[in-house]
Amino acid sequence: VLGSCEVFEERQVGNERFNIFSGCPSGQTATIVLRGGADQ
């Protein structure tokens, strides 16, 4: 397991998509790895 959160959701605003991580454990640091997808 790389990490945990209570809720993960994807929201679309206009043509942009956002990934929302909520309810993450309290901590001093975080690492987020993002990979861009292909244009569709």
Protein backbone atom coordinates (compact mmCIF):
# COMPACT_ATOMS: atom_id res chain seq x y z
CA VAL A 1 0.00 0.00 0.00
CA LEU A 2 1.41 3.37 -1.00
CA GLY A 3 -0.98 5.49 1.05
CA SER A 4 -4.57 5.91 2.09
CA CYS A 5 -7.45 8.37 2.08
CA GLU A 6 -11.09 8.13 3.07
CA VAL A 7 -12.48 9.47 -0.22
CA PHE A 8 -11.02 9.67 -3.73
CA GLU A 9 -13.05 11.41 -6.42
CA GLU A 10 -12.55 12.79 -9.90
CA ARG A 11 -14.19 16.12 -10.69
CA GLN A 12 -14.50 17.73 -14.10
CA VAL A 13 -14.55 21.52 -14.42
CA GLY A 14 -14.93 22.58 -18.03
CA ASN A 15 -12.42 20.55 -20.02
CA GLU A 16 -10.15 19.90 -17.02
CA ARG A 17 -10.28 16.87 -14.70
CA PHE A 18 -9.12 17.05 -11.09
CA ASN A 19 -8.40 14.15 -8.71
CA ILE A 20 -9.42 14.97 -5.14
CA PHE A 21 -8.01 13.06 -2.15
CA SER A 22 -9.96 13.70 1.08
CA GLY A 23 -9.59 12.35 4.60
CA CYS A 24 -5.85 11.72 4.37
CA PRO A 25 -4.01 10.94 7.60
CA SER A 26 -2.34 13.93 9.18
CA GLY A 27 1.35 14.18 8.36
CA GLN A 28 4.16 16.60 7.71
CA THR A 29 5.03 15.43 4.19
CA ALA A 30 3.33 13.94 1.17
CA THR A 31 4.43 12.62 -2.20
CA ILE A 32 2.10 12.71 -5.17
CA VAL A 33 3.08 11.09 -8.47
CA LEU A 34 1.18 12.35 -11.51
CA ARG A 35 1.28 11.02 -15.04
CA GLY A 36 -0.32 12.88 -17.91
CA GLY A 37 -2.52 10.94 -20.29
CA ALA A 38 -2.76 11.20 -24.04
CA ASP A 39 -4.95 13.81 -25.71
CA GLN A 40 -8.30 12.28 -26.57
